[in-house]
Amino acid sequence: MSTDVARQAVTIEEVAATAGVSRSTVSRVVNGSTAVSPEALEAVTKAIAELNYVPNRAARSLASQKTHAIALIVPEDTTRFFGDPFFAAIVSGINSRLSRSDYVLNLFIASDDPGDKTTSYVRSGAVDGAIVVSHHTSDTFIDRIASVVPVVYGGRPVRERERDYYVDVDNARGAFDATAYLIESGRSRIATIAGPLSMPAGVDRLRGYRDALKAFHLEEVAVEDGNFTADGGAEAMRRMLESGAKPDAIFVASDLMARGVLTVLASAGLRVPEDVAVVGFDDSPVATSVTPSLTTVRQPSFAQGERMATVLLDILAGRHPRHVTILETELVVRDSV
């Protein structure tokens, strides 16, 4: 007669005994702490593999009242999210930082709906905090999320409050530098294709363009909204040409829009940079995939993602990070000017 004996789940105490260390040392290894000696780390890692130990996240959450989950909320449609390299860099930066912690990342591509599943999920206590990227003036559901969990914004919030935490790049300065470079290269009829003014990044980049024109005593030639998409940039460029505007340079507030702009200029028989110089913004992979290669403003999107995650982890750990972090941009000169 044979019997099947159900094996009990391996406990953290068994791992500690096998590794020859204390229970707290095993806990530090499991939670990703760096306060562990290399020898202890090796012993615990070996014991975990040998015993097939799986940390009981649910039990830890119950004891600490933490879920160890963070929501990344992107109020955009899926086409924009998966089509814009900016988001890939941001997510990579966030994930890089969280991989060194005990937190997992939940992605929500959200919409402004009072009964939105994202809002309900976050408000139910399923996550400890949230990172919000690419928000618009219409995204009022974010306020409902921010009322129950700590939120860190990627970019200046639409309705900035003293208590808000955000990590942004210096959009206005980057746009100023791009426009000034066009002027210093000998261009004087400078237009812009801007991002949507429902987004702080769109507002700030337009302001930087206008500040540069004012500093050099030049007038605006034309301003069109390209919605931060390639198709939007192309449509904006068509409208500009159809209006009779004859710019000799264009500051385009994203590389994706610049790709659309270059296509329309080529179709109209206008050479870049001989007839029209073009500067973009992002320094995404798009900048080196177009012809001519794009002079653009580099924003440190990966570093922005890492920093947002760090700020949120600091808040959740009871520390007091800076409310506002602004990262510098850099002009990268290629062949379009």
C-alpha atoms as a PDB file:
ATOM      1  CA  MET A   1       0.000   0.000   0.000  1.00  0.00           C
ATOM      2  CA  SER A   2       1.357   3.394  -0.956  1.00  0.00           C
ATOM      3  CA  THR A   3       0.407   6.851   0.163  1.00  0.00           C
ATOM      4  CA  ASP A   4       0.934  10.266  -1.379  1.00  0.00           C
ATOM      5  CA  VAL A   5       2.279  12.732   1.083  1.00  0.00           C
ATOM      6  CA  ALA A   6       1.474  16.317   0.231  1.00  0.00           C
ATOM      7  CA  ARG A   7       4.634  18.331   0.523  1.00  0.00           C
ATOM      8  CA  GLN A   8       4.318  21.443   2.594  1.00  0.00           C
ATOM      9  CA  ALA A   9       5.430  24.729   1.052  1.00  0.00           C
ATOM     10  CA  VAL A  10       9.032  25.572   1.860  1.00  0.00           C
ATOM     11  CA  THR A  11       9.300  28.283   4.505  1.00  0.00           C
ATOM     12  CA  ILE A  12      11.727  31.134   4.800  1.00  0.00           C
ATOM     13  CA  GLU A  13      13.044  29.513   8.003  1.00  0.00           C
ATOM     14  CA  GLU A  14      14.002  26.375   6.058  1.00  0.00           C
ATOM     15  CA  VAL A  15      15.856  28.474   3.505  1.00  0.00           C
ATOM     16  CA  ALA A  16      17.707  30.245   6.331  1.00  0.00           C
ATOM     17  CA  ALA A  17      18.669  26.935   7.947  1.00  0.00           C
ATOM     18  CA  THR A  18      19.904  25.468   4.668  1.00  0.00           C
ATOM     19  CA  ALA A  19      21.908  28.592   3.839  1.00  0.00           C
ATOM     20  CA  GLY A  20      23.271  28.903   7.369  1.00  0.00           C
ATOM     21  CA  VAL A  21      22.079  32.483   7.748  1.00  0.00           C
ATOM     22  CA  SER A  22      19.401  34.314   9.709  1.00  0.00           C
ATOM     23  CA  ARG A  23      15.792  34.657   8.626  1.00  0.00           C
ATOM     24  CA  SER A  24      16.272  38.425   8.203  1.00  0.00           C
ATOM     25  CA  THR A  25      19.150  37.831   5.804  1.00  0.00           C
ATOM     26  CA  VAL A  26      16.944  35.639   3.611  1.00  0.00           C
ATOM     27  CA  SER A  27      14.251  38.315   3.750  1.00  0.00           C
ATOM     28  CA  ARG A  28      16.734  40.967   2.605  1.00  0.00           C
ATOM     29  CA  VAL A  29      17.828  38.808  -0.334  1.00  0.00           C
ATOM     30  CA  VAL A  30      14.242  38.057  -1.357  1.00  0.00           C
ATOM     31  CA  ASN A  31      13.328  41.775  -1.172  1.00  0.00           C
ATOM     32  CA  GLY A  32      16.299  42.824  -3.295  1.00  0.00           C
ATOM     33  CA  SER A  33      18.239  44.630  -0.575  1.00  0.00           C
ATOM     34  CA  THR A  34      21.905  45.384  -1.245  1.00  0.00           C
ATOM     35  CA  ALA A  35      22.733  45.127   2.498  1.00  0.00           C
ATOM     36  CA  VAL A  36      23.861  41.514   2.140  1.00  0.00           C
ATOM     37  CA  SER A  37      27.392  40.170   1.840  1.00  0.00           C
ATOM     38  CA  PRO A  38      28.349  38.390  -1.412  1.00  0.00           C
ATOM     39  CA  GLU A  39      28.861  35.141   0.531  1.00  0.00           C
ATOM     40  CA  ALA A  40      25.427  35.294   2.157  1.00  0.00           C
ATOM     41  CA  LEU A  41      23.804  36.220  -1.153  1.00  0.00           C
ATOM     42  CA  GLU A  42      25.382  33.195  -2.838  1.00  0.00           C
ATOM     43  CA  ALA A  43      24.360  30.852   0.006  1.00  0.00           C
ATOM     44  CA  VAL A  44      20.763  32.086   0.070  1.00  0.00           C
ATOM     45  CA  THR A  45      20.424  32.004  -3.714  1.00  0.00           C
ATOM     46  CA  LYS A  46      21.719  28.432  -3.759  1.00  0.00           C
ATOM     47  CA  ALA A  47      19.325  27.385  -0.963  1.00  0.00           C
ATOM     48  CA  ILE A  48      16.351  28.986  -2.727  1.00  0.00           C
ATOM     49  CA  ALA A  49      17.139  27.060  -5.910  1.00  0.00           C
ATOM     50  CA  GLU A  50      17.815  23.819  -4.034  1.00  0.00           C
ATOM     51  CA  LEU A  51      14.562  23.966  -2.047  1.00  0.00           C
ATOM     52  CA  ASN A  52      12.515  25.487  -4.882  1.00  0.00           C
ATOM     53  CA  TYR A  53      11.421  28.237  -2.512  1.00  0.00           C
ATOM     54  CA  VAL A  54       8.785  30.667  -3.810  1.00  0.00           C
ATOM     55  CA  PRO A  55       8.274  33.837  -1.727  1.00  0.00           C
ATOM     56  CA  ASN A  56       4.694  34.189  -0.572  1.00  0.00           C
ATOM     57  CA  ARG A  57       3.891  37.673  -1.847  1.00  0.00           C
ATOM     58  CA  ALA A  58       0.290  37.431  -0.695  1.00  0.00           C
ATOM     59  CA  ALA A  59       1.321  36.656   2.866  1.00  0.00           C
ATOM     60  CA  ARG A  60       3.854  39.461   2.897  1.00  0.00           C
ATOM     61  CA  SER A  61       1.256  41.859   1.516  1.00  0.00           C
ATOM     62  CA  LEU A  62      -1.236  40.862   4.196  1.00  0.00           C
ATOM     63  CA  ALA A  63       1.308  41.451   6.923  1.00  0.00           C
ATOM     64  CA  SER A  64       2.576  44.785   5.616  1.00  0.00           C
ATOM     65  CA  GLN A  65      -0.641  46.109   4.057  1.00  0.00           C
ATOM     66  CA  LYS A  66       1.302  46.524   0.803  1.00  0.00           C
ATOM     67  CA  THR A  67       0.623  44.975  -2.594  1.00  0.00           C
ATOM     68  CA  HIS A  68       4.140  45.596  -3.941  1.00  0.00           C
ATOM     69  CA  ALA A  69       2.528  46.582  -7.251  1.00  0.00           C
ATOM     70  CA  ILE A  70       2.810  49.902  -9.090  1.00  0.00           C
ATOM     71  CA  ALA A  71       0.485  51.061 -11.862  1.00  0.00           C
ATOM     72  CA  LEU A  72       1.866  52.754 -14.968  1.00  0.00           C
ATOM     73  CA  ILE A  73      -1.061  54.693 -16.412  1.00  0.00           C
ATOM     74  CA  VAL A  74      -0.873  56.045 -19.957  1.00  0.00           C
ATOM     75  CA  PRO A  75      -3.973  58.006 -21.050  1.00  0.00           C
ATOM     76  CA  GLU A  76      -3.462  57.309 -24.760  1.00  0.00           C
ATOM     77  CA  ASP A  77      -4.865  54.887 -27.314  1.00  0.00           C
ATOM     78  CA  THR A  78      -2.955  51.708 -28.117  1.00  0.00           C
ATOM     79  CA  THR A  79      -1.859  52.961 -31.553  1.00  0.00           C
ATOM     80  CA  ARG A  80      -0.109  55.947 -30.019  1.00  0.00           C
ATOM     81  CA  PHE A  81       1.396  53.945 -27.155  1.00  0.00           C
ATOM     82  CA  PHE A  82       2.893  51.184 -29.285  1.00  0.00           C
ATOM     83  CA  GLY A  83       3.805  53.485 -32.181  1.00  0.00           C
ATOM     84  CA  ASP A  84       5.776  56.143 -30.299  1.00  0.00           C
ATOM     85  CA  PRO A  85       9.365  55.189 -29.291  1.00  0.00           C
ATOM     86  CA  PHE A  86       9.144  57.667 -26.396  1.00  0.00           C
ATOM     87  CA  PHE A  87       6.938  55.254 -24.454  1.00  0.00           C
ATOM     88  CA  ALA A  88       9.289  52.317 -24.996  1.00  0.00           C
ATOM     89  CA  ALA A  89      12.165  54.309 -23.504  1.00  0.00           C
ATOM     90  CA  ILE A  90      10.078  55.486 -20.547  1.00  0.00           C
ATOM     91  CA  VAL A  91       8.836  51.968 -19.740  1.00  0.00           C
ATOM     92  CA  SER A  92      12.361  50.563 -20.046  1.00  0.00           C
ATOM     93  CA  GLY A  93      13.636  53.115 -17.543  1.00  0.00           C
ATOM     94  CA  ILE A  94      10.827  52.420 -15.070  1.00  0.00           C
ATOM     95  CA  ASN A  95      11.294  48.675 -15.382  1.00  0.00           C
ATOM     96  CA  SER A  96      15.064  48.981 -14.935  1.00  0.00           C
ATOM     97  CA  ARG A  97      14.574  50.674 -11.574  1.00  0.00           C
ATOM     98  CA  LEU A  98      11.755  48.418 -10.370  1.00  0.00           C
ATOM     99  CA  SER A  99      13.743  45.294 -11.271  1.00  0.00           C
ATOM    100  CA  ARG A 100      16.052  46.213  -8.394  1.00  0.00           C
ATOM    101  CA  SER A 101      13.136  46.363  -5.960  1.00  0.00           C
ATOM    102  CA  ASP A 102      10.381  44.057  -4.760  1.00  0.00           C
ATOM    103  CA  TYR A 103       7.753  45.863  -6.825  1.00  0.00           C
ATOM    104  CA  VAL A 104       6.066  44.718 -10.018  1.00  0.00           C
ATOM    105  CA  LEU A 105       4.693  46.984 -12.742  1.00  0.00           C
ATOM    106  CA  ASN A 106       1.109  46.885 -14.008  1.00  0.00           C
ATOM    107  CA  LEU A 107       0.491  48.720 -17.292  1.00  0.00           C
ATOM    108  CA  PHE A 108      -2.823  50.462 -17.995  1.00  0.00           C
ATOM    109  CA  ILE A 109      -3.567  52.190 -21.287  1.00  0.00           C
ATOM    110  CA  ALA A 110      -6.425  54.261 -19.941  1.00  0.00           C
ATOM    111  CA  SER A 111      -9.205  56.576 -21.102  1.00  0.00           C
ATOM    112  CA  ASP A 112     -11.182  59.325 -19.397  1.00  0.00           C
ATOM    113  CA  ASP A 113     -14.259  57.357 -18.362  1.00  0.00           C
ATOM    114  CA  PRO A 114     -15.949  57.871 -14.964  1.00  0.00           C
ATOM    115  CA  GLY A 115     -16.493  54.120 -14.728  1.00  0.00           C
ATOM    116  CA  ASP A 116     -13.073  53.304 -16.098  1.00  0.00           C
ATOM    117  CA  LYS A 117     -11.701  49.923 -15.069  1.00  0.00           C
ATOM    118  CA  THR A 118      -8.285  51.435 -14.407  1.00  0.00           C
ATOM    119  CA  THR A 119      -9.683  53.921 -11.903  1.00  0.00           C
ATOM    120  CA  SER A 120     -11.741  51.251 -10.161  1.00  0.00           C
ATOM    121  CA  TYR A 121      -8.806  48.849 -10.042  1.00  0.00           C
ATOM    122  CA  VAL A 122      -6.418  51.397  -8.534  1.00  0.00           C
ATOM    123  CA  ARG A 123      -8.978  52.691  -6.050  1.00  0.00           C
ATOM    124  CA  SER A 124      -9.718  49.127  -4.901  1.00  0.00           C
ATOM    125  CA  GLY A 125      -6.298  48.968  -3.228  1.00  0.00           C
ATOM    126  CA  ALA A 126      -4.719  46.692  -5.842  1.00  0.00           C
ATOM    127  CA  VAL A 127      -1.590  48.865  -6.166  1.00  0.00           C
ATOM    128  CA  ASP A 128       0.524  50.920  -3.782  1.00  0.00           C
ATOM    129  CA  GLY A 129       1.174  53.847  -6.130  1.00  0.00           C
ATOM    130  CA  ALA A 130       0.971  55.038  -9.710  1.00  0.00           C
ATOM    131  CA  ILE A 131       3.101  56.646 -12.406  1.00  0.00           C
ATOM    132  CA  VAL A 132       1.158  58.701 -14.953  1.00  0.00           C
ATOM    133  CA  VAL A 133       2.689  59.497 -18.344  1.00  0.00           C
ATOM    134  CA  SER A 134       1.328  61.582 -21.260  1.00  0.00           C
ATOM    135  CA  HIS A 135      -1.663  63.178 -19.592  1.00  0.00           C
ATOM    136  CA  HIS A 136      -4.069  65.735 -21.086  1.00  0.00           C
ATOM    137  CA  THR A 137      -6.354  68.421 -19.695  1.00  0.00           C
ATOM    138  CA  SER A 138      -9.315  66.068 -20.228  1.00  0.00           C
ATOM    139  CA  ASP A 139      -7.839  63.296 -18.070  1.00  0.00           C
ATOM    140  CA  THR A 140      -9.853  64.128 -14.957  1.00  0.00           C
ATOM    141  CA  PHE A 141      -9.880  60.495 -13.800  1.00  0.00           C
ATOM    142  CA  ILE A 142      -6.273  60.939 -12.663  1.00  0.00           C
ATOM    143  CA  ASP A 143      -7.458  63.166  -9.817  1.00  0.00           C
ATOM    144  CA  ARG A 144      -9.597  60.306  -8.532  1.00  0.00           C
ATOM    145  CA  ILE A 145      -6.569  58.019  -8.589  1.00  0.00           C
ATOM    146  CA  ALA A 146      -4.340  60.585  -6.872  1.00  0.00           C
ATOM    147  CA  SER A 147      -6.843  60.843  -4.037  1.00  0.00           C
ATOM    148  CA  VAL A 148      -6.132  57.258  -2.894  1.00  0.00           C
ATOM    149  CA  VAL A 149      -2.524  56.409  -3.828  1.00  0.00           C
ATOM    150  CA  PRO A 150       0.725  58.366  -4.265  1.00  0.00           C
ATOM    151  CA  VAL A 151       1.182  59.478  -7.887  1.00  0.00           C
ATOM    152  CA  VAL A 152       4.324  60.552  -9.734  1.00  0.00           C
ATOM    153  CA  TYR A 153       3.785  62.315 -13.045  1.00  0.00           C
ATOM    154  CA  GLY A 154       5.948  61.990 -16.117  1.00  0.00           C
ATOM    155  CA  GLY A 155       5.969  65.632 -17.118  1.00  0.00           C
ATOM    156  CA  ARG A 156       4.493  68.683 -15.455  1.00  0.00           C
ATOM    157  CA  PRO A 157       0.905  67.940 -14.385  1.00  0.00           C
ATOM    158  CA  VAL A 158      -1.893  69.674 -16.280  1.00  0.00           C
ATOM    159  CA  ARG A 159      -3.160  71.192 -13.033  1.00  0.00           C
ATOM    160  CA  GLU A 160       0.026  71.588 -11.044  1.00  0.00           C
ATOM    161  CA  ARG A 161      -0.346  71.607  -7.262  1.00  0.00           C
ATOM    162  CA  GLU A 162       2.228  72.165  -4.564  1.00  0.00           C
ATOM    163  CA  ARG A 163       1.892  68.596  -3.304  1.00  0.00           C
ATOM    164  CA  ASP A 164       2.454  66.971  -6.726  1.00  0.00           C
ATOM    165  CA  TYR A 165       5.552  64.963  -7.583  1.00  0.00           C
ATOM    166  CA  TYR A 166       6.782  64.997 -11.163  1.00  0.00           C
ATOM    167  CA  VAL A 167       9.834  64.350 -13.312  1.00  0.00           C
ATOM    168  CA  ASP A 168      10.053  66.363 -16.510  1.00  0.00           C
ATOM    169  CA  VAL A 169      12.576  67.433 -19.120  1.00  0.00           C
ATOM    170  CA  ASP A 170      13.233  71.110 -19.804  1.00  0.00           C
ATOM    171  CA  ASN A 171      10.903  71.251 -22.804  1.00  0.00           C
ATOM    172  CA  ALA A 172      10.920  75.022 -23.113  1.00  0.00           C
ATOM    173  CA  ARG A 173      14.713  75.231 -23.029  1.00  0.00           C
ATOM    174  CA  GLY A 174      15.065  72.412 -25.552  1.00  0.00           C
ATOM    175  CA  ALA A 175      12.675  74.150 -27.956  1.00  0.00           C
ATOM    176  CA  PHE A 176      14.455  77.460 -27.426  1.00  0.00           C
ATOM    177  CA  ASP A 177      17.838  75.883 -28.234  1.00  0.00           C
ATOM    178  CA  ALA A 178      16.450  74.183 -31.359  1.00  0.00           C
ATOM    179  CA  THR A 179      14.934  77.405 -32.677  1.00  0.00           C
ATOM    180  CA  ALA A 180      18.014  79.439 -31.794  1.00  0.00           C
ATOM    181  CA  TYR A 181      20.186  76.948 -33.683  1.00  0.00           C
ATOM    182  CA  LEU A 182      18.028  77.391 -36.783  1.00  0.00           C
ATOM    183  CA  ILE A 183      18.360  81.177 -36.490  1.00  0.00           C
ATOM    184  CA  GLU A 184      22.117  81.031 -35.946  1.00  0.00           C
ATOM    185  CA  SER A 185      22.448  78.806 -39.022  1.00  0.00           C
ATOM    186  CA  GLY A 186      21.061  81.685 -41.106  1.00  0.00           C
ATOM    187  CA  ARG A 187      17.323  80.939 -41.187  1.00  0.00           C
ATOM    188  CA  SER A 188      14.854  83.747 -40.542  1.00  0.00           C
ATOM    189  CA  ARG A 189      11.396  82.489 -41.583  1.00  0.00           C
ATOM    190  CA  ILE A 190      10.887  79.841 -38.925  1.00  0.00           C
ATOM    191  CA  ALA A 191       7.603  78.007 -38.445  1.00  0.00           C
ATOM    192  CA  THR A 192       6.694  75.320 -35.922  1.00  0.00           C
ATOM    193  CA  ILE A 193       4.578  72.208 -35.837  1.00  0.00           C
ATOM    194  CA  ALA A 194       3.551  71.940 -32.227  1.00  0.00           C
ATOM    195  CA  GLY A 195       2.160  69.226 -30.013  1.00  0.00           C
ATOM    196  CA  PRO A 196      -1.387  69.463 -28.671  1.00  0.00           C
ATOM    197  CA  LEU A 197      -1.912  72.363 -26.289  1.00  0.00           C
ATOM    198  CA  SER A 198      -3.915  70.036 -24.033  1.00  0.00           C
ATOM    199  CA  MET A 199      -0.531  68.627 -22.945  1.00  0.00           C
ATOM    200  CA  PRO A 200       2.067  70.564 -20.915  1.00  0.00           C
ATOM    201  CA  ALA A 201       4.861  69.318 -23.202  1.00  0.00           C
ATOM    202  CA  GLY A 202       3.064  70.814 -26.197  1.00  0.00           C
ATOM    203  CA  VAL A 203       2.567  74.113 -24.355  1.00  0.00           C
ATOM    204  CA  ASP A 204       6.166  74.317 -23.107  1.00  0.00           C
ATOM    205  CA  ARG A 205       7.778  73.508 -26.466  1.00  0.00           C
ATOM    206  CA  LEU A 206       5.648  76.124 -28.206  1.00  0.00           C
ATOM    207  CA  ARG A 207       6.659  78.640 -25.538  1.00  0.00           C
ATOM    208  CA  GLY A 208      10.345  77.857 -26.061  1.00  0.00           C
ATOM    209  CA  TYR A 209       9.993  78.386 -29.825  1.00  0.00           C
ATOM    210  CA  ARG A 210       8.252  81.723 -29.304  1.00  0.00           C
ATOM    211  CA  ASP A 211      10.785  82.847 -26.675  1.00  0.00           C
ATOM    212  CA  ALA A 212      13.627  82.221 -29.129  1.00  0.00           C
ATOM    213  CA  LEU A 213      11.939  84.217 -31.892  1.00  0.00           C
ATOM    214  CA  LYS A 214      11.376  87.055 -29.450  1.00  0.00           C
ATOM    215  CA  ALA A 215      15.003  86.947 -28.277  1.00  0.00           C
ATOM    216  CA  PHE A 216      16.189  87.297 -31.894  1.00  0.00           C
ATOM    217  CA  HIS A 217      13.491  89.831 -32.852  1.00  0.00           C
ATOM    218  CA  LEU A 218      11.809  87.590 -35.427  1.00  0.00           C
ATOM    219  CA  GLU A 219       8.120  87.107 -36.220  1.00  0.00           C
ATOM    220  CA  GLU A 220       6.228  83.817 -36.310  1.00  0.00           C
ATOM    221  CA  VAL A 221       5.710  82.457 -39.810  1.00  0.00           C
ATOM    222  CA  ALA A 222       3.159  79.745 -39.023  1.00  0.00           C
ATOM    223  CA  VAL A 223       2.068  77.475 -36.167  1.00  0.00           C
ATOM    224  CA  GLU A 224       0.217  74.185 -36.725  1.00  0.00           C
ATOM    225  CA  ASP A 225      -0.776  71.390 -34.336  1.00  0.00           C
ATOM    226  CA  GLY A 226       0.552  67.964 -35.342  1.00  0.00           C
ATOM    227  CA  ASN A 227      -0.808  65.995 -32.340  1.00  0.00           C
ATOM    228  CA  PHE A 228       2.580  64.337 -31.650  1.00  0.00           C
ATOM    229  CA  THR A 229       1.981  61.723 -34.415  1.00  0.00           C
ATOM    230  CA  ALA A 230       3.541  61.089 -37.829  1.00  0.00           C
ATOM    231  CA  ASP A 231       0.191  61.429 -39.598  1.00  0.00           C
ATOM    232  CA  GLY A 232      -0.576  64.566 -37.610  1.00  0.00           C
ATOM    233  CA  GLY A 233       2.777  66.068 -38.569  1.00  0.00           C
ATOM    234  CA  ALA A 234       2.153  65.322 -42.238  1.00  0.00           C
ATOM    235  CA  GLU A 235      -1.320  66.887 -42.137  1.00  0.00           C
ATOM    236  CA  ALA A 236       0.026  69.954 -40.319  1.00  0.00           C
ATOM    237  CA  MET A 237       2.736  70.384 -42.951  1.00  0.00           C
ATOM    238  CA  ARG A 238       0.170  70.164 -45.744  1.00  0.00           C
ATOM    239  CA  ARG A 239      -1.986  72.811 -44.065  1.00  0.00           C
ATOM    240  CA  MET A 240       1.036  75.047 -43.681  1.00  0.00           C
ATOM    241  CA  LEU A 241       1.978  74.803 -47.352  1.00  0.00           C
ATOM    242  CA  GLU A 242      -1.624  75.258 -48.487  1.00  0.00           C
ATOM    243  CA  SER A 243      -1.872  78.429 -46.385  1.00  0.00           C
ATOM    244  CA  GLY A 244       0.845  80.023 -48.487  1.00  0.00           C
ATOM    245  CA  ALA A 245       3.420  80.100 -45.702  1.00  0.00           C
ATOM    246  CA  LYS A 246       6.969  79.829 -47.015  1.00  0.00           C
ATOM    247  CA  PRO A 247       9.185  78.922 -44.070  1.00  0.00           C
ATOM    248  CA  ASP A 248      12.886  78.358 -44.587  1.00  0.00           C
ATOM    249  CA  ALA A 249      13.025  76.346 -41.348  1.00  0.00           C
ATOM    250  CA  ILE A 250      10.639  74.386 -39.140  1.00  0.00           C
ATOM    251  CA  PHE A 251      10.950  73.418 -35.501  1.00  0.00           C
ATOM    252  CA  VAL A 252       8.903  70.229 -35.120  1.00  0.00           C
ATOM    253  CA  ALA A 253       8.020  69.365 -31.520  1.00  0.00           C
ATOM    254  CA  SER A 254       8.545  65.580 -31.900  1.00  0.00           C
ATOM    255  CA  ASP A 255      10.554  63.256 -34.124  1.00  0.00           C
ATOM    256  CA  LEU A 256       7.440  61.329 -35.110  1.00  0.00           C
ATOM    257  CA  MET A 257       5.815  64.499 -36.425  1.00  0.00           C
ATOM    258  CA  ALA A 258       9.080  65.382 -38.170  1.00  0.00           C
ATOM    259  CA  ARG A 259       8.937  62.094 -40.073  1.00  0.00           C
ATOM    260  CA  GLY A 260       5.576  63.128 -41.494  1.00  0.00           C
ATOM    261  CA  VAL A 261       6.898  66.616 -42.245  1.00  0.00           C
ATOM    262  CA  LEU A 262       9.871  65.264 -44.215  1.00  0.00           C
ATOM    263  CA  THR A 263       7.572  63.082 -46.322  1.00  0.00           C
ATOM    264  CA  VAL A 264       5.320  66.013 -47.270  1.00  0.00           C
ATOM    265  CA  LEU A 265       8.243  68.341 -47.996  1.00  0.00           C
ATOM    266  CA  ALA A 266       9.756  65.735 -50.332  1.00  0.00           C
ATOM    267  CA  SER A 267       6.407  65.299 -52.110  1.00  0.00           C
ATOM    268  CA  ALA A 268       6.203  69.074 -52.578  1.00  0.00           C
ATOM    269  CA  GLY A 269       9.649  69.126 -54.184  1.00  0.00           C
ATOM    270  CA  LEU A 270      11.261  70.974 -51.273  1.00  0.00           C
ATOM    271  CA  ARG A 271      14.765  69.848 -50.323  1.00  0.00           C
ATOM    272  CA  VAL A 272      15.929  69.417 -46.735  1.00  0.00           C
ATOM    273  CA  PRO A 273      18.010  71.240 -45.646  1.00  0.00           C
ATOM    274  CA  GLU A 274      18.671  73.272 -48.828  1.00  0.00           C
ATOM    275  CA  ASP A 275      15.153  74.738 -49.080  1.00  0.00           C
ATOM    276  CA  VAL A 276      13.792  74.052 -45.604  1.00  0.00           C
ATOM    277  CA  ALA A 277      15.772  73.117 -42.503  1.00  0.00           C
ATOM    278  CA  VAL A 278      14.060  70.847 -39.981  1.00  0.00           C
ATOM    279  CA  VAL A 279      14.755  70.221 -36.287  1.00  0.00           C
ATOM    280  CA  GLY A 280      12.821  67.633 -34.256  1.00  0.00           C
ATOM    281  CA  PHE A 281      12.502  66.792 -30.575  1.00  0.00           C
ATOM    282  CA  ASP A 282      13.140  63.467 -28.754  1.00  0.00           C
ATOM    283  CA  ASP A 283      16.205  61.912 -30.426  1.00  0.00           C
ATOM    284  CA  SER A 284      14.230  58.692 -30.780  1.00  0.00           C
ATOM    285  CA  PRO A 285      15.233  55.944 -33.251  1.00  0.00           C
ATOM    286  CA  VAL A 286      13.102  57.801 -35.813  1.00  0.00           C
ATOM    287  CA  ALA A 287      15.764  60.529 -36.000  1.00  0.00           C
ATOM    288  CA  THR A 288      18.338  58.218 -37.601  1.00  0.00           C
ATOM    289  CA  SER A 289      15.864  56.219 -39.714  1.00  0.00           C
ATOM    290  CA  VAL A 290      14.716  59.143 -41.871  1.00  0.00           C
ATOM    291  CA  THR A 291      16.473  60.819 -44.802  1.00  0.00           C
ATOM    292  CA  PRO A 292      18.162  63.150 -44.209  1.00  0.00           C
ATOM    293  CA  SER A 293      19.003  62.160 -40.654  1.00  0.00           C
ATOM    294  CA  LEU A 294      17.278  64.487 -38.240  1.00  0.00           C
ATOM    295  CA  THR A 295      18.845  67.215 -36.163  1.00  0.00           C
ATOM    296  CA  THR A 296      16.853  66.996 -32.958  1.00  0.00           C
ATOM    297  CA  VAL A 297      16.638  67.739 -29.254  1.00  0.00           C
ATOM    298  CA  ARG A 298      17.592  64.733 -27.144  1.00  0.00           C
ATOM    299  CA  GLN A 299      15.425  64.169 -24.101  1.00  0.00           C
ATOM    300  CA  PRO A 300      16.660  61.544 -21.616  1.00  0.00           C
ATOM    301  CA  SER A 301      13.500  59.396 -21.654  1.00  0.00           C
ATOM    302  CA  PHE A 302      15.109  56.286 -20.134  1.00  0.00           C
ATOM    303  CA  ALA A 303      16.560  58.359 -17.285  1.00  0.00           C
ATOM    304  CA  GLN A 304      13.184  60.042 -16.821  1.00  0.00           C
ATOM    305  CA  GLY A 305      11.534  56.652 -16.400  1.00  0.00           C
ATOM    306  CA  GLU A 306      14.163  55.538 -13.898  1.00  0.00           C
ATOM    307  CA  ARG A 307      13.829  58.741 -11.912  1.00  0.00           C
ATOM    308  CA  MET A 308      10.022  58.560 -11.765  1.00  0.00           C
ATOM    309  CA  ALA A 309      10.224  55.042 -10.368  1.00  0.00           C
ATOM    310  CA  THR A 310      12.865  56.103  -7.832  1.00  0.00           C
ATOM    311  CA  VAL A 311      10.735  59.015  -6.614  1.00  0.00           C
ATOM    312  CA  LEU A 312       7.707  56.763  -6.157  1.00  0.00           C
ATOM    313  CA  LEU A 313       9.723  54.086  -4.352  1.00  0.00           C
ATOM    314  CA  ASP A 314      11.104  56.772  -2.038  1.00  0.00           C
ATOM    315  CA  ILE A 315       7.582  57.973  -1.223  1.00  0.00           C
ATOM    316  CA  LEU A 316       6.398  54.425  -0.543  1.00  0.00           C
ATOM    317  CA  ALA A 317       9.403  53.858   1.744  1.00  0.00           C
ATOM    318  CA  GLY A 318       8.486  56.912   3.804  1.00  0.00           C
ATOM    319  CA  ARG A 319      11.293  59.087   2.473  1.00  0.00           C
ATOM    320  CA  HIS A 320      10.840  62.652   1.242  1.00  0.00           C
ATOM    321  CA  PRO A 321      12.111  63.083  -2.331  1.00  0.00           C
ATOM    322  CA  ARG A 322      12.052  66.392  -4.187  1.00  0.00           C
ATOM    323  CA  HIS A 323       8.638  67.241  -5.577  1.00  0.00           C
ATOM    324  CA  VAL A 324      10.016  68.492  -8.895  1.00  0.00           C
ATOM    325  CA  THR A 325      12.886  67.042 -10.929  1.00  0.00           C
ATOM    326  CA  ILE A 326      13.816  68.668 -14.256  1.00  0.00           C
ATOM    327  CA  LEU A 327      16.224  66.851 -16.584  1.00  0.00           C
ATOM    328  CA  GLU A 328      18.311  68.695 -19.159  1.00  0.00           C
ATOM    329  CA  THR A 329      17.988  68.308 -22.925  1.00  0.00           C
ATOM    330  CA  GLU A 330      20.738  68.339 -25.554  1.00  0.00           C
ATOM    331  CA  LEU A 331      20.752  69.424 -29.208  1.00  0.00           C
ATOM    332  CA  VAL A 332      22.023  66.659 -31.505  1.00  0.00           C
ATOM    333  CA  VAL A 333      23.135  67.987 -34.881  1.00  0.00           C
ATOM    334  CA  ARG A 334      22.720  65.778 -37.970  1.00  0.00           C
ATOM    335  CA  ASP A 335      21.916  66.423 -41.628  1.00  0.00           C
ATOM    336  CA  SER A 336      18.531  68.202 -41.671  1.00  0.00           C
ATOM    337  CA  VAL A 337      19.958  71.680 -40.984  1.00  0.00           C
END
